[in-house]
Amino acid sequence: MAYCMVQIIEITDSSFYPGICKAIFTDYYGKTHIIVDKPPIFGFEIENKKYEFPFEAVIRCEILDDMGNCIVIDTEHPDYIESQEELHVFKVNKKMIKAMECDYALN
């Protein structure tokens, strides 16, 4: 299991638990991808506090290939995450990937 760094840019709906938020990340080619999902998918919970955007979060992913400067990841497993363009396989800069054995939150 690995984690890909993302930036939470907006909480789009906090009227119910766990809420919905929007995250972005930039792939190896400079294209920005948007993911909209529940906060636990990104490793945090919405609390009754004022957030300063953007802030760092993560998405879980599988590493498909290490190509030196970039890593090919699949976000379909384990959490069925896909971008607004319905993509789940991405090439990202190696610096964006954190390999971890356990779940954690950055906040």
PDB file of N, CA and C in Angstrom:
ATOM      1  N   MET A   1       0.845  -1.180   0.000  1.00  0.00           N
ATOM      2  CA  MET A   1       0.000   0.000   0.000  1.00  0.00           C
ATOM      3  C   MET A   1       0.882   1.233   0.000  1.00  0.00           C
ATOM      4  N   ALA A   2       0.435   2.233  -0.709  1.00  0.00           N
ATOM      5  CA  ALA A   2       1.151   3.504  -0.765  1.00  0.00           C
ATOM      6  C   ALA A   2       0.143   4.634  -0.627  1.00  0.00           C
ATOM      7  N   TYR A   3       0.671   5.822  -0.401  1.00  0.00           N
ATOM      8  CA  TYR A   3      -0.151   7.018  -0.275  1.00  0.00           C
ATOM      9  C   TYR A   3       0.359   8.063  -1.245  1.00  0.00           C
ATOM     10  N   CYS A   4      -0.546   8.705  -1.955  1.00  0.00           N
ATOM     11  CA  CYS A   4      -0.212   9.793  -2.859  1.00  0.00           C
ATOM     12  C   CYS A   4      -0.668  11.096  -2.219  1.00  0.00           C
ATOM     13  N   MET A   5       0.225  12.063  -2.173  1.00  0.00           N
ATOM     14  CA  MET A   5      -0.094  13.358  -1.587  1.00  0.00           C
ATOM     15  C   MET A   5      -1.067  14.121  -2.487  1.00  0.00           C
ATOM     16  N   VAL A   6      -2.069  14.740  -1.865  1.00  0.00           N
ATOM     17  CA  VAL A   6      -3.031  15.597  -2.564  1.00  0.00           C
ATOM     18  C   VAL A   6      -3.202  16.873  -1.747  1.00  0.00           C
ATOM     19  N   GLN A   7      -3.858  17.854  -2.342  1.00  0.00           N
ATOM     20  CA  GLN A   7      -4.181  19.101  -1.666  1.00  0.00           C
ATOM     21  C   GLN A   7      -5.699  19.219  -1.572  1.00  0.00           C
ATOM     22  N   ILE A   8      -6.211  19.353  -0.355  1.00  0.00           N
ATOM     23  CA  ILE A   8      -7.649  19.614  -0.182  1.00  0.00           C
ATOM     24  C   ILE A   8      -7.848  21.094  -0.468  1.00  0.00           C
ATOM     25  N   ILE A   9      -8.721  21.402  -1.421  1.00  0.00           N
ATOM     26  CA  ILE A   9      -8.930  22.794  -1.808  1.00  0.00           C
ATOM     27  C   ILE A   9     -10.288  23.340  -1.384  1.00  0.00           C
ATOM     28  N   GLU A  10     -11.205  22.435  -0.985  1.00  0.00           N
ATOM     29  CA  GLU A  10     -12.546  22.911  -0.636  1.00  0.00           C
ATOM     30  C   GLU A  10     -13.324  21.817   0.077  1.00  0.00           C
ATOM     31  N   ILE A  11     -14.095  22.203   1.068  1.00  0.00           N
ATOM     32  CA  ILE A  11     -15.112  21.319   1.633  1.00  0.00           C
ATOM     33  C   ILE A  11     -16.407  21.734   0.951  1.00  0.00           C
ATOM     34  N   THR A  12     -16.925  20.855   0.111  1.00  0.00           N
ATOM     35  CA  THR A  12     -18.063  21.229  -0.725  1.00  0.00           C
ATOM     36  C   THR A  12     -19.403  21.026  -0.038  1.00  0.00           C
ATOM     37  N   ASP A  13     -19.452  20.131   0.945  1.00  0.00           N
ATOM     38  CA  ASP A  13     -20.699  19.894   1.672  1.00  0.00           C
ATOM     39  C   ASP A  13     -20.380  19.323   3.043  1.00  0.00           C
ATOM     40  N   SER A  14     -20.713  20.061   4.071  1.00  0.00           N
ATOM     41  CA  SER A  14     -20.508  19.577   5.438  1.00  0.00           C
ATOM     42  C   SER A  14     -21.830  19.439   6.167  1.00  0.00           C
ATOM     43  N   SER A  15     -22.932  19.395   5.407  1.00  0.00           N
ATOM     44  CA  SER A  15     -24.259  19.334   6.014  1.00  0.00           C
ATOM     45  C   SER A  15     -24.617  17.942   6.526  1.00  0.00           C
ATOM     46  N   PHE A  16     -23.792  16.950   6.239  1.00  0.00           N
ATOM     47  CA  PHE A  16     -24.032  15.592   6.714  1.00  0.00           C
ATOM     48  C   PHE A  16     -22.687  14.959   7.046  1.00  0.00           C
ATOM     49  N   TYR A  17     -22.724  13.870   7.803  1.00  0.00           N
ATOM     50  CA  TYR A  17     -21.492  13.159   8.133  1.00  0.00           C
ATOM     51  C   TYR A  17     -21.270  12.064   7.108  1.00  0.00           C
ATOM     52  N   PRO A  18     -20.104  11.899   6.549  1.00  0.00           N
ATOM     53  CA  PRO A  18     -18.857  12.580   6.882  1.00  0.00           C
ATOM     54  C   PRO A  18     -18.586  13.822   6.048  1.00  0.00           C
ATOM     55  N   GLY A  19     -19.492  14.202   5.138  1.00  0.00           N
ATOM     56  CA  GLY A  19     -19.289  15.376   4.299  1.00  0.00           C
ATOM     57  C   GLY A  19     -18.621  15.024   2.984  1.00  0.00           C
ATOM     58  N   ILE A  20     -18.362  16.044   2.182  1.00  0.00           N
ATOM     59  CA  ILE A  20     -17.726  15.883   0.879  1.00  0.00           C
ATOM     60  C   ILE A  20     -16.676  16.985   0.721  1.00  0.00           C
ATOM     61  N   CYS A  21     -15.537  16.621   0.166  1.00  0.00           N
ATOM     62  CA  CYS A  21     -14.520  17.632  -0.092  1.00  0.00           C
ATOM     63  C   CYS A  21     -13.883  17.391  -1.455  1.00  0.00           C
ATOM     64  N   LYS A  22     -13.157  18.415  -1.902  1.00  0.00           N
ATOM     65  CA  LYS A  22     -12.510  18.371  -3.217  1.00  0.00           C
ATOM     66  C   LYS A  22     -11.004  18.452  -3.018  1.00  0.00           C
ATOM     67  N   ALA A  23     -10.300  17.548  -3.699  1.00  0.00           N
ATOM     68  CA  ALA A  23      -8.840  17.518  -3.644  1.00  0.00           C
ATOM     69  C   ALA A  23      -8.280  17.585  -5.057  1.00  0.00           C
ATOM     70  N   ILE A  24      -7.043  18.073  -5.148  1.00  0.00           N
ATOM     71  CA  ILE A  24      -6.361  18.108  -6.433  1.00  0.00           C
ATOM     72  C   ILE A  24      -4.949  17.544  -6.275  1.00  0.00           C
ATOM     73  N   PHE A  25      -4.426  17.054  -7.371  1.00  0.00           N
ATOM     74  CA  PHE A  25      -3.009  16.722  -7.458  1.00  0.00           C
ATOM     75  C   PHE A  25      -2.595  16.885  -8.910  1.00  0.00           C
ATOM     76  N   THR A  26      -1.314  17.068  -9.111  1.00  0.00           N
ATOM     77  CA  THR A  26      -0.778  17.268 -10.448  1.00  0.00           C
ATOM     78  C   THR A  26       0.037  16.050 -10.840  1.00  0.00           C
ATOM     79  N   ASP A  27      -0.244  15.521 -12.025  1.00  0.00           N
ATOM     80  CA  ASP A  27       0.479  14.329 -12.470  1.00  0.00           C
ATOM     81  C   ASP A  27       1.862  14.691 -13.008  1.00  0.00           C
ATOM     82  N   TYR A  28       2.586  13.708 -13.441  1.00  0.00           N
ATOM     83  CA  TYR A  28       3.955  13.866 -13.915  1.00  0.00           C
ATOM     84  C   TYR A  28       4.053  14.819 -15.108  1.00  0.00           C
ATOM     85  N   TYR A  29       2.985  14.903 -15.889  1.00  0.00           N
ATOM     86  CA  TYR A  29       2.975  15.732 -17.091  1.00  0.00           C
ATOM     87  C   TYR A  29       2.468  17.144 -16.845  1.00  0.00           C
ATOM     88  N   GLY A  30       2.123  17.460 -15.589  1.00  0.00           N
ATOM     89  CA  GLY A  30       1.648  18.799 -15.243  1.00  0.00           C
ATOM     90  C   GLY A  30       0.152  18.980 -15.311  1.00  0.00           C
ATOM     91  N   LYS A  31      -0.591  17.925 -15.563  1.00  0.00           N
ATOM     92  CA  LYS A  31      -2.060  18.003 -15.613  1.00  0.00           C
ATOM     93  C   LYS A  31      -2.623  17.884 -14.204  1.00  0.00           C
ATOM     94  N   THR A  32      -3.547  18.777 -13.862  1.00  0.00           N
ATOM     95  CA  THR A  32      -4.191  18.747 -12.556  1.00  0.00           C
ATOM     96  C   THR A  32      -5.416  17.850 -12.611  1.00  0.00           C
ATOM     97  N   HIS A  33      -5.531  16.966 -11.618  1.00  0.00           N
ATOM     98  CA  HIS A  33      -6.670  16.057 -11.512  1.00  0.00           C
ATOM     99  C   HIS A  33      -7.461  16.422 -10.263  1.00  0.00           C
ATOM    100  N   ILE A  34      -8.782  16.324 -10.365  1.00  0.00           N
ATOM    101  CA  ILE A  34      -9.686  16.652  -9.262  1.00  0.00           C
ATOM    102  C   ILE A  34     -10.350  15.369  -8.776  1.00  0.00           C
ATOM    103  N   ILE A  35     -10.358  15.207  -7.464  1.00  0.00           N
ATOM    104  CA  ILE A  35     -11.056  14.080  -6.843  1.00  0.00           C
ATOM    105  C   ILE A  35     -12.037  14.651  -5.819  1.00  0.00           C
ATOM    106  N   VAL A  36     -13.280  14.228  -5.908  1.00  0.00           N
ATOM    107  CA  VAL A  36     -14.318  14.644  -4.964  1.00  0.00           C
ATOM    108  C   VAL A  36     -14.766  13.400  -4.219  1.00  0.00           C
ATOM    109  N   ASP A  37     -14.647  13.426  -2.893  1.00  0.00           N
ATOM    110  CA  ASP A  37     -15.002  12.247  -2.106  1.00  0.00           C
ATOM    111  C   ASP A  37     -15.181  12.639  -0.643  1.00  0.00           C
ATOM    112  N   LYS A  38     -15.436  11.645   0.177  1.00  0.00           N
ATOM    113  CA  LYS A  38     -15.614  11.854   1.612  1.00  0.00           C
ATOM    114  C   LYS A  38     -14.260  12.078   2.282  1.00  0.00           C
ATOM    115  N   PRO A  39     -14.194  12.945   3.291  1.00  0.00           N
ATOM    116  CA  PRO A  39     -12.928  13.241   3.965  1.00  0.00           C
ATOM    117  C   PRO A  39     -12.141  12.019   4.453  1.00  0.00           C
ATOM    118  N   PRO A  40     -12.774  10.962   4.993  1.00  0.00           N
ATOM    119  CA  PRO A  40     -11.961   9.816   5.423  1.00  0.00           C
ATOM    120  C   PRO A  40     -11.135   9.183   4.298  1.00  0.00           C
ATOM    121  N   ILE A  41     -11.580   9.300   3.063  1.00  0.00           N
ATOM    122  CA  ILE A  41     -10.812   8.798   1.923  1.00  0.00           C
ATOM    123  C   ILE A  41      -9.475   9.528   1.827  1.00  0.00           C
ATOM    124  N   PHE A  42      -9.443  10.790   2.271  1.00  0.00           N
ATOM    125  CA  PHE A  42      -8.240  11.615   2.230  1.00  0.00           C
ATOM    126  C   PHE A  42      -7.480  11.613   3.557  1.00  0.00           C
ATOM    127  N   GLY A  43      -7.939  10.814   4.525  1.00  0.00           N
ATOM    128  CA  GLY A  43      -7.221  10.688   5.789  1.00  0.00           C
ATOM    129  C   GLY A  43      -7.541  11.727   6.831  1.00  0.00           C
ATOM    130  N   PHE A  44      -8.717  12.372   6.754  1.00  0.00           N
ATOM    131  CA  PHE A  44      -9.090  13.323   7.801  1.00  0.00           C
ATOM    132  C   PHE A  44     -10.600  13.327   7.993  1.00  0.00           C
ATOM    133  N   GLU A  45     -11.050  13.961   9.044  1.00  0.00           N
ATOM    134  CA  GLU A  45     -12.470  14.114   9.350  1.00  0.00           C
ATOM    135  C   GLU A  45     -12.798  15.609   9.390  1.00  0.00           C
ATOM    136  N   ILE A  46     -13.982  15.984   8.939  1.00  0.00           N
ATOM    137  CA  ILE A  46     -14.417  17.372   9.046  1.00  0.00           C
ATOM    138  C   ILE A  46     -14.735  17.650  10.512  1.00  0.00           C
ATOM    139  N   GLU A  47     -14.135  18.701  11.023  1.00  0.00           N
ATOM    140  CA  GLU A  47     -14.370  19.124  12.398  1.00  0.00           C
ATOM    141  C   GLU A  47     -14.975  20.514  12.382  1.00  0.00           C
ATOM    142  N   ASN A  48     -15.500  20.912  13.508  1.00  0.00           N
ATOM    143  CA  ASN A  48     -16.067  22.253  13.631  1.00  0.00           C
ATOM    144  C   ASN A  48     -14.941  23.261  13.830  1.00  0.00           C
ATOM    145  N   LYS A  49     -14.196  23.504  12.778  1.00  0.00           N
ATOM    146  CA  LYS A  49     -13.125  24.490  12.828  1.00  0.00           C
ATOM    147  C   LYS A  49     -12.987  25.130  11.461  1.00  0.00           C
ATOM    148  N   LYS A  50     -12.296  26.235  11.435  1.00  0.00           N
ATOM    149  CA  LYS A  50     -12.063  26.929  10.171  1.00  0.00           C
ATOM    150  C   LYS A  50     -10.809  26.340   9.527  1.00  0.00           C
ATOM    151  N   TYR A  51     -10.940  25.913   8.285  1.00  0.00           N
ATOM    152  CA  TYR A  51      -9.820  25.323   7.559  1.00  0.00           C
ATOM    153  C   TYR A  51      -9.135  26.386   6.716  1.00  0.00           C
ATOM    154  N   GLU A  52      -7.828  26.265   6.616  1.00  0.00           N
ATOM    155  CA  GLU A  52      -7.067  27.114   5.709  1.00  0.00           C
ATOM    156  C   GLU A  52      -6.715  26.265   4.496  1.00  0.00           C
ATOM    157  N   PHE A  53      -7.226  26.676   3.344  1.00  0.00           N
ATOM    158  CA  PHE A  53      -7.025  25.921   2.113  1.00  0.00           C
ATOM    159  C   PHE A  53      -5.898  26.516   1.300  1.00  0.00           C
ATOM    160  N   PRO A  54      -5.167  25.715   0.552  1.00  0.00           N
ATOM    161  CA  PRO A  54      -5.228  24.252   0.549  1.00  0.00           C
ATOM    162  C   PRO A  54      -4.457  23.680   1.728  1.00  0.00           C
ATOM    163  N   PHE A  55      -4.751  22.412   2.058  1.00  0.00           N
ATOM    164  CA  PHE A  55      -3.950  21.701   3.043  1.00  0.00           C
ATOM    165  C   PHE A  55      -3.696  20.286   2.544  1.00  0.00           C
ATOM    166  N   GLU A  56      -2.598  19.706   3.038  1.00  0.00           N
ATOM    167  CA  GLU A  56      -2.170  18.391   2.561  1.00  0.00           C
ATOM    168  C   GLU A  56      -3.033  17.274   3.105  1.00  0.00           C
ATOM    169  N   ALA A  57      -3.238  16.289   2.271  1.00  0.00           N
ATOM    170  CA  ALA A  57      -3.935  15.060   2.648  1.00  0.00           C
ATOM    171  C   ALA A  57      -3.358  13.955   1.768  1.00  0.00           C
ATOM    172  N   VAL A  58      -3.930  12.770   1.845  1.00  0.00           N
ATOM    173  CA  VAL A  58      -3.435  11.638   1.073  1.00  0.00           C
ATOM    174  C   VAL A  58      -4.583  10.831   0.492  1.00  0.00           C
ATOM    175  N   ILE A  59      -4.274  10.085  -0.559  1.00  0.00           N
ATOM    176  CA  ILE A  59      -5.178   9.039  -1.038  1.00  0.00           C
ATOM    177  C   ILE A  59      -4.372   7.745  -1.079  1.00  0.00           C
ATOM    178  N   ARG A  60      -5.035   6.647  -0.730  1.00  0.00           N
ATOM    179  CA  ARG A  60      -4.359   5.351  -0.785  1.00  0.00           C
ATOM    180  C   ARG A  60      -4.336   4.873  -2.231  1.00  0.00           C
ATOM    181  N   CYS A  61      -3.269   4.149  -2.571  1.00  0.00           N
ATOM    182  CA  CYS A  61      -3.113   3.677  -3.944  1.00  0.00           C
ATOM    183  C   CYS A  61      -2.196   2.468  -3.980  1.00  0.00           C
ATOM    184  N   GLU A  62      -2.156   1.840  -5.131  1.00  0.00           N
ATOM    185  CA  GLU A  62      -1.209   0.760  -5.396  1.00  0.00           C
ATOM    186  C   GLU A  62      -0.158   1.279  -6.366  1.00  0.00           C
ATOM    187  N   ILE A  63       1.074   0.875  -6.185  1.00  0.00           N
ATOM    188  CA  ILE A  63       2.130   1.226  -7.124  1.00  0.00           C
ATOM    189  C   ILE A  63       2.175   0.149  -8.201  1.00  0.00           C
ATOM    190  N   LEU A  64       2.004   0.584  -9.447  1.00  0.00           N
ATOM    191  CA  LEU A  64       2.033  -0.349 -10.570  1.00  0.00           C
ATOM    192  C   LEU A  64       3.425  -0.456 -11.185  1.00  0.00           C
ATOM    193  N   ASP A  65       4.155   0.671 -11.201  1.00  0.00           N
ATOM    194  CA  ASP A  65       5.468   0.665 -11.841  1.00  0.00           C
ATOM    195  C   ASP A  65       6.310   1.822 -11.309  1.00  0.00           C
ATOM    196  N   ASP A  66       7.583   1.558 -11.112  1.00  0.00           N
ATOM    197  CA  ASP A  66       8.546   2.584 -10.729  1.00  0.00           C
ATOM    198  C   ASP A  66       9.387   2.858 -11.966  1.00  0.00           C
ATOM    199  N   MET A  67       9.226   4.057 -12.538  1.00  0.00           N
ATOM    200  CA  MET A  67       9.893   4.401 -13.788  1.00  0.00           C
ATOM    201  C   MET A  67      11.054   5.370 -13.556  1.00  0.00           C
ATOM    202  N   GLY A  68      11.611   5.345 -12.362  1.00  0.00           N
ATOM    203  CA  GLY A  68      12.720   6.247 -12.059  1.00  0.00           C
ATOM    204  C   GLY A  68      12.224   7.539 -11.443  1.00  0.00           C
ATOM    205  N   ASN A  69      12.039   8.577 -12.263  1.00  0.00           N
ATOM    206  CA  ASN A  69      11.560   9.865 -11.759  1.00  0.00           C
ATOM    207  C   ASN A  69      10.071   9.884 -11.475  1.00  0.00           C
ATOM    208  N   CYS A  70       9.340   8.954 -12.048  1.00  0.00           N
ATOM    209  CA  CYS A  70       7.895   8.920 -11.821  1.00  0.00           C
ATOM    210  C   CYS A  70       7.452   7.520 -11.422  1.00  0.00           C
ATOM    211  N   ILE A  71       6.298   7.493 -10.798  1.00  0.00           N
ATOM    212  CA  ILE A  71       5.677   6.253 -10.325  1.00  0.00           C
ATOM    213  C   ILE A  71       4.305   6.151 -10.988  1.00  0.00           C
ATOM    214  N   VAL A  72       3.948   4.981 -11.456  1.00  0.00           N
ATOM    215  CA  VAL A  72       2.608   4.747 -11.977  1.00  0.00           C
ATOM    216  C   VAL A  72       1.782   4.178 -10.828  1.00  0.00           C
ATOM    217  N   ILE A  73       0.676   4.870 -10.504  1.00  0.00           N
ATOM    218  CA  ILE A  73      -0.184   4.433  -9.399  1.00  0.00           C
ATOM    219  C   ILE A  73      -1.582   4.115  -9.901  1.00  0.00           C
ATOM    220  N   ASP A  74      -2.271   3.285  -9.117  1.00  0.00           N
ATOM    221  CA  ASP A  74      -3.676   2.954  -9.373  1.00  0.00           C
ATOM    222  C   ASP A  74      -4.448   3.281  -8.102  1.00  0.00           C
ATOM    223  N   THR A  75      -5.390   4.218  -8.209  1.00  0.00           N
ATOM    224  CA  THR A  75      -6.183   4.624  -7.044  1.00  0.00           C
ATOM    225  C   THR A  75      -7.486   3.842  -6.920  1.00  0.00           C
ATOM    226  N   GLU A  76      -7.710   2.915  -7.840  1.00  0.00           N
ATOM    227  CA  GLU A  76      -8.936   2.106  -7.766  1.00  0.00           C
ATOM    228  C   GLU A  76      -8.902   1.181  -6.547  1.00  0.00           C
ATOM    229  N   HIS A  77      -7.719   0.731  -6.194  1.00  0.00           N
ATOM    230  CA  HIS A  77      -7.579  -0.158  -5.043  1.00  0.00           C
ATOM    231  C   HIS A  77      -6.729   0.531  -3.995  1.00  0.00           C
ATOM    232  N   PRO A  78      -7.086   0.573  -2.762  1.00  0.00           N
ATOM    233  CA  PRO A  78      -8.157  -0.206  -2.161  1.00  0.00           C
ATOM    234  C   PRO A  78      -9.485   0.541  -2.009  1.00  0.00           C
ATOM    235  N   ASP A  79      -9.543   1.845  -2.388  1.00  0.00           N
ATOM    236  CA  ASP A  79     -10.711   2.666  -2.035  1.00  0.00           C
ATOM    237  C   ASP A  79     -11.596   3.073  -3.205  1.00  0.00           C
ATOM    238  N   TYR A  80     -11.382   2.537  -4.401  1.00  0.00           N
ATOM    239  CA  TYR A  80     -12.207   2.848  -5.572  1.00  0.00           C
ATOM    240  C   TYR A  80     -12.271   4.349  -5.846  1.00  0.00           C
ATOM    241  N   ILE A  81     -11.112   4.995  -5.821  1.00  0.00           N
ATOM    242  CA  ILE A  81     -11.025   6.431  -6.065  1.00  0.00           C
ATOM    243  C   ILE A  81     -10.755   6.652  -7.547  1.00  0.00           C
ATOM    244  N   GLU A  82     -11.495   7.613  -8.128  1.00  0.00           N
ATOM    245  CA  GLU A  82     -11.189   8.025  -9.481  1.00  0.00           C
ATOM    246  C   GLU A  82     -11.386   9.533  -9.596  1.00  0.00           C
ATOM    247  N   SER A  83     -10.731  10.105 -10.586  1.00  0.00           N
ATOM    248  CA  SER A  83     -10.822  11.548 -10.803  1.00  0.00           C
ATOM    249  C   SER A  83     -12.179  11.899 -11.401  1.00  0.00           C
ATOM    250  N   GLN A  84     -12.436  13.204 -11.511  1.00  0.00           N
ATOM    251  CA  GLN A  84     -13.692  13.628 -12.142  1.00  0.00           C
ATOM    252  C   GLN A  84     -13.753  13.196 -13.598  1.00  0.00           C
ATOM    253  N   GLU A  85     -12.601  12.910 -14.191  1.00  0.00           N
ATOM    254  CA  GLU A  85     -12.565  12.415 -15.568  1.00  0.00           C
ATOM    255  C   GLU A  85     -12.659  10.889 -15.620  1.00  0.00           C
ATOM    256  N   GLU A  86     -12.953  10.268 -14.470  1.00  0.00           N
ATOM    257  CA  GLU A  86     -13.108   8.820 -14.323  1.00  0.00           C
ATOM    258  C   GLU A  86     -11.813   8.059 -14.597  1.00  0.00           C
ATOM    259  N   LEU A  87     -10.688   8.669 -14.231  1.00  0.00           N
ATOM    260  CA  LEU A  87      -9.382   8.018 -14.351  1.00  0.00           C
ATOM    261  C   LEU A  87      -8.951   7.494 -12.987  1.00  0.00           C
ATOM    262  N   HIS A  88      -8.214   6.389 -12.981  1.00  0.00           N
ATOM    263  CA  HIS A  88      -7.690   5.865 -11.716  1.00  0.00           C
ATOM    264  C   HIS A  88      -6.240   5.408 -11.827  1.00  0.00           C
ATOM    265  N   VAL A  89      -5.644   5.487 -13.008  1.00  0.00           N
ATOM    266  CA  VAL A  89      -4.226   5.173 -13.191  1.00  0.00           C
ATOM    267  C   VAL A  89      -3.526   6.472 -13.592  1.00  0.00           C
ATOM    268  N   PHE A  90      -2.464   6.809 -12.843  1.00  0.00           N
ATOM    269  CA  PHE A  90      -1.762   8.077 -13.056  1.00  0.00           C
ATOM    270  C   PHE A  90      -0.260   7.868 -12.961  1.00  0.00           C
ATOM    271  N   LYS A  91       0.488   8.686 -13.696  1.00  0.00           N
ATOM    272  CA  LYS A  91       1.926   8.801 -13.501  1.00  0.00           C
ATOM    273  C   LYS A  91       2.135  10.051 -12.665  1.00  0.00           C
ATOM    274  N   VAL A  92       2.833   9.895 -11.536  1.00  0.00           N
ATOM    275  CA  VAL A  92       3.079  11.029 -10.646  1.00  0.00           C
ATOM    276  C   VAL A  92       4.557  11.098 -10.298  1.00  0.00           C
ATOM    277  N   ASN A  93       4.990  12.275  -9.879  1.00  0.00           N
ATOM    278  CA  ASN A  93       6.356  12.467  -9.427  1.00  0.00           C
ATOM    279  C   ASN A  93       6.609  11.591  -8.213  1.00  0.00           C
ATOM    280  N   LYS A  94       7.754  10.981  -8.169  1.00  0.00           N
ATOM    281  CA  LYS A  94       8.105  10.070  -7.078  1.00  0.00           C
ATOM    282  C   LYS A  94       8.001  10.737  -5.710  1.00  0.00           C
ATOM    283  N   LYS A  95       8.239  12.053  -5.636  1.00  0.00           N
ATOM    284  CA  LYS A  95       8.173  12.791  -4.370  1.00  0.00           C
ATOM    285  C   LYS A  95       6.766  12.825  -3.783  1.00  0.00           C
ATOM    286  N   MET A  96       5.748  12.557  -4.594  1.00  0.00           N
ATOM    287  CA  MET A  96       4.358  12.593  -4.125  1.00  0.00           C
ATOM    288  C   MET A  96       3.931  11.304  -3.437  1.00  0.00           C
ATOM    289  N   ILE A  97       4.753  10.270  -3.485  1.00  0.00           N
ATOM    290  CA  ILE A  97       4.360   8.956  -2.978  1.00  0.00           C
ATOM    291  C   ILE A  97       5.036   8.667  -1.643  1.00  0.00           C
ATOM    292  N   LYS A  98       4.235   8.203  -0.723  1.00  0.00           N
ATOM    293  CA  LYS A  98       4.714   7.751   0.577  1.00  0.00           C
ATOM    294  C   LYS A  98       4.271   6.305   0.737  1.00  0.00           C
ATOM    295  N   ALA A  99       5.203   5.414   0.937  1.00  0.00           N
ATOM    296  CA  ALA A  99       4.872   4.003   1.157  1.00  0.00           C
ATOM    297  C   ALA A  99       4.680   3.784   2.646  1.00  0.00           C
ATOM    298  N   MET A 100       3.533   3.267   3.026  1.00  0.00           N
ATOM    299  CA  MET A 100       3.204   3.068   4.436  1.00  0.00           C
ATOM    300  C   MET A 100       2.515   1.735   4.619  1.00  0.00           C
ATOM    301  N   GLU A 101       2.673   1.173   5.774  1.00  0.00           N
ATOM    302  CA  GLU A 101       1.992  -0.079   6.135  1.00  0.00           C
ATOM    303  C   GLU A 101       0.712   0.180   6.914  1.00  0.00           C
ATOM    304  N   CYS A 102       0.614   1.364   7.541  1.00  0.00           N
ATOM    305  CA  CYS A 102      -0.569   1.629   8.363  1.00  0.00           C
ATOM    306  C   CYS A 102      -1.218   2.926   7.926  1.00  0.00           C
ATOM    307  N   ASP A 103      -2.481   3.084   8.274  1.00  0.00           N
ATOM    308  CA  ASP A 103      -3.209   4.304   7.955  1.00  0.00           C
ATOM    309  C   ASP A 103      -2.762   5.408   8.889  1.00  0.00           C
ATOM    310  N   TYR A 104      -2.789   6.633   8.380  1.00  0.00           N
ATOM    311  CA  TYR A 104      -2.461   7.784   9.201  1.00  0.00           C
ATOM    312  C   TYR A 104      -3.143   9.005   8.605  1.00  0.00           C
ATOM    313  N   ALA A 105      -3.229  10.036   9.393  1.00  0.00           N
ATOM    314  CA  ALA A 105      -3.760  11.304   8.930  1.00  0.00           C
ATOM    315  C   ALA A 105      -2.676  12.360   9.070  1.00  0.00           C
ATOM    316  N   LEU A 106      -2.653  13.291   8.152  1.00  0.00           N
ATOM    317  CA  LEU A 106      -1.647  14.339   8.198  1.00  0.00           C
ATOM    318  C   LEU A 106      -2.071  15.493   9.096  1.00  0.00           C
ATOM    319  N   ASN A 107      -3.351  15.594   9.382  1.00  0.00           N
ATOM    320  CA  ASN A 107      -3.841  16.733  10.181  1.00  0.00           C
ATOM    321  C   ASN A 107      -3.866  16.386  11.636  1.00  0.00           C
TER     322      ASN A 107
END
